[in-house]
Amino acid sequence: MNPGKHTKRRLPPRSGHRKASRVHDDTVTTALALAARDGDPAAGQEWTRALYRDVLRYVVHLGADPQAADDVVQDTFLRALTALHRFEGRSSARSWLLAIARHAVADSHRRRASRPRLREQAETGGGFEEGVALAELLGLLPAERREAFVLTQLAGWSYEEVAERAKCPVGTVRSRVSRARTTLLEQVVRG
């Protein structure tokens, strides 16, 4: 080697490093999920933080509407946390969670496909009885939740547009929509 000449040193490929890191991460996240299952709330929060980005990437990869991706991720974690008592750790917590995410995305696609469009309803007259029932349910919501829900879920506004209109952060709009959904579902179930 010529001491006066700078040469690049080639490093060996790191193909095994990432896989080993992933296995370590899976071991850690699975242990966190099992601890959360056994009643450790801090482990549940850490598990959620550790896997949030992976779930978001996966949901977007599966073709979830980018505007609704955060909602689908939120739905995924809600489903997972309510089913955590059934998680036995036979597979990694990441694999288990991504399977739940896949179902959440499929359900999101089905809901979006079945949701009537406002223009179509106006042209066809929509279902009067359904409209009255929806109006009654929406009337049960606090005004800011009702506005966020109607504008994003029925009128098709983006979360950013609603946040600008309401002069609040986008996260606040997402929270209002999520809480509105929960309230509406509870009312429908009560019947």
Foldseek 3Di string as FASTA:
>chain_A
DDPVDDDDDDDDDPVVVVVVVVVVLLVLLQVLLVVVLVPDVVSLVVSCVSCLVVLLVLLVVVPADNLCSVVLSVVLSVVCSVCSPVDDSPDGPNVVSNVSSVVSSVVNVVCVVPDDAPVVCVVVVNDPVVVVVVVVLLVVADPLLSQLQCCVPHVPDGLVVSCVVVVHDSVVSVVSPVVSVVSSVVVVVVD
